[in-house]
Amino acid sequence: MITPAQLACLVPGPSVLAWTPFLQPAPGVQHWWWLLVLPMALGVAMAYKAIRVRTLAEWPGAVLKMSLQIVAAMVGIAVGLYLLVIVLLPMLPAE
C-alpha cells in the first residue's frame, strides 16, 4: 500500500501542474519566442522543396534560399506592422 507521503513524492510540483499547454505560454520562453521562426521556416522550406526540386543535389541550396526568403518576409511584415501601429496610426485624427 502506498502511503500519502510516498504519493506526494510521485506527483510533480505545483509549478508543473499549473501550466496548461496550448492555453498558456510556456514558462521561461517569453523573451525568445520570436526565434522559433527559424526552425519553422526551415521545416516549411524542407518539406516544400522536397517535392519541387528535380534533383537531390539542388535541394540544400533551394532549402537555404527559401528559408532566408521566409525569414526576410517575416521581418519585413514585422517592420511594416510596427510602422503602421507606432508611426502612422498615432498621426490619424482622434475625432
Protein backbone atom coordinates (compact mmCIF):
# COMPACT_ATOMS: atom_id res chain seq x y z
CA MET A 1 0.00 0.00 0.00
CA ILE A 2 1.31 3.46 -0.93
CA THR A 3 1.34 5.99 1.86
CA PRO A 4 0.32 9.64 1.29
CA ALA A 5 3.97 10.70 1.76
CA GLN A 6 5.11 8.33 -0.99
CA LEU A 7 2.33 9.52 -3.26
CA ALA A 8 3.38 13.15 -2.74
CA CYS A 9 6.87 12.27 -3.98
CA LEU A 10 5.46 10.88 -7.23
CA VAL A 11 3.34 13.93 -8.11
CA PRO A 12 5.16 16.82 -9.86
CA GLY A 13 5.43 20.15 -8.10
CA PRO A 14 2.75 22.86 -8.36
CA SER A 15 4.70 24.84 -10.97
CA VAL A 16 4.46 21.98 -13.46
CA LEU A 17 0.83 21.19 -12.66
CA ALA A 18 -0.21 24.83 -13.02
CA TRP A 19 0.91 25.15 -16.66
CA THR A 20 -1.71 24.24 -19.27
CA PRO A 21 -0.18 23.67 -22.73
CA PHE A 22 -1.91 25.39 -25.67
CA LEU A 23 -3.81 27.66 -23.27
CA GLN A 24 -0.92 29.43 -21.54
CA PRO A 25 2.53 30.42 -22.83
CA ALA A 26 5.34 28.06 -21.93
CA PRO A 27 7.16 29.28 -18.83
CA GLY A 28 10.56 30.85 -19.42
CA VAL A 29 10.37 31.33 -23.20
CA GLN A 30 8.50 34.64 -23.41
CA HIS A 31 11.60 36.58 -24.44
CA TRP A 32 12.80 34.04 -27.02
CA TRP A 33 9.57 33.04 -28.82
CA TRP A 34 10.47 35.01 -31.97
CA LEU A 35 13.47 32.69 -32.55
CA LEU A 36 11.03 29.89 -33.30
CA VAL A 37 10.59 31.42 -36.78
CA LEU A 38 13.94 29.89 -37.77
CA PRO A 39 13.04 26.19 -37.34
CA MET A 40 9.55 26.90 -38.69
CA ALA A 41 10.98 28.44 -41.86
CA LEU A 42 13.50 25.61 -42.23
CA GLY A 43 10.80 22.94 -41.82
CA VAL A 44 8.44 24.57 -44.31
CA ALA A 45 11.24 25.01 -46.85
CA MET A 46 12.46 21.43 -46.42
CA ALA A 47 9.00 19.96 -46.96
CA TYR A 48 8.13 22.21 -49.89
CA LYS A 49 11.43 21.84 -51.71
CA ALA A 50 11.47 18.06 -51.20
CA ILE A 51 8.54 17.96 -53.62
CA ARG A 52 9.58 20.74 -56.01
CA VAL A 53 13.27 20.21 -56.86
CA ARG A 54 14.18 17.99 -59.78
CA THR A 55 17.39 16.50 -58.33
CA LEU A 56 18.54 15.94 -54.78
CA ALA A 57 21.71 17.94 -55.45
CA GLU A 58 19.60 21.12 -55.81
CA TRP A 59 17.73 20.56 -52.54
CA PRO A 60 20.12 22.06 -49.90
CA GLY A 61 20.63 25.30 -51.82
CA ALA A 62 16.94 25.63 -52.55
CA VAL A 63 16.04 25.00 -48.90
CA LEU A 64 18.55 27.58 -47.68
CA LYS A 65 17.33 30.16 -50.20
CA MET A 66 13.66 29.62 -49.34
CA SER A 67 14.36 29.66 -45.59
CA LEU A 68 16.07 33.03 -45.93
CA GLN A 69 13.18 34.32 -48.04
CA ILE A 70 10.65 33.26 -45.40
CA VAL A 71 12.63 34.87 -42.57
CA ALA A 72 13.13 38.06 -44.62
CA ALA A 73 9.40 38.20 -45.36
CA MET A 74 8.56 37.79 -41.67
CA VAL A 75 11.00 40.57 -40.72
CA GLY A 76 9.52 42.78 -43.44
CA ILE A 77 5.99 42.16 -42.21
CA ALA A 78 7.07 42.90 -38.62
CA VAL A 79 8.71 46.19 -39.65
CA GLY A 80 5.68 47.16 -41.72
CA LEU A 81 3.26 46.47 -38.88
CA TYR A 82 5.49 48.34 -36.44
CA LEU A 83 5.50 51.38 -38.72
CA LEU A 84 1.75 51.16 -39.16
CA VAL A 85 0.91 50.87 -35.47
CA ILE A 86 3.60 53.05 -33.89
CA VAL A 87 4.14 55.70 -36.57
CA LEU A 88 1.10 56.03 -38.83
CA LEU A 89 -1.85 55.30 -36.53
CA PRO A 90 -0.93 58.00 -33.97
CA MET A 91 -0.99 60.52 -36.83
CA LEU A 92 -4.69 59.87 -37.51
CA PRO A 93 -7.16 62.35 -36.01
CA ALA A 94 -8.84 61.09 -32.85
CA GLU A 95 -12.18 62.79 -33.74
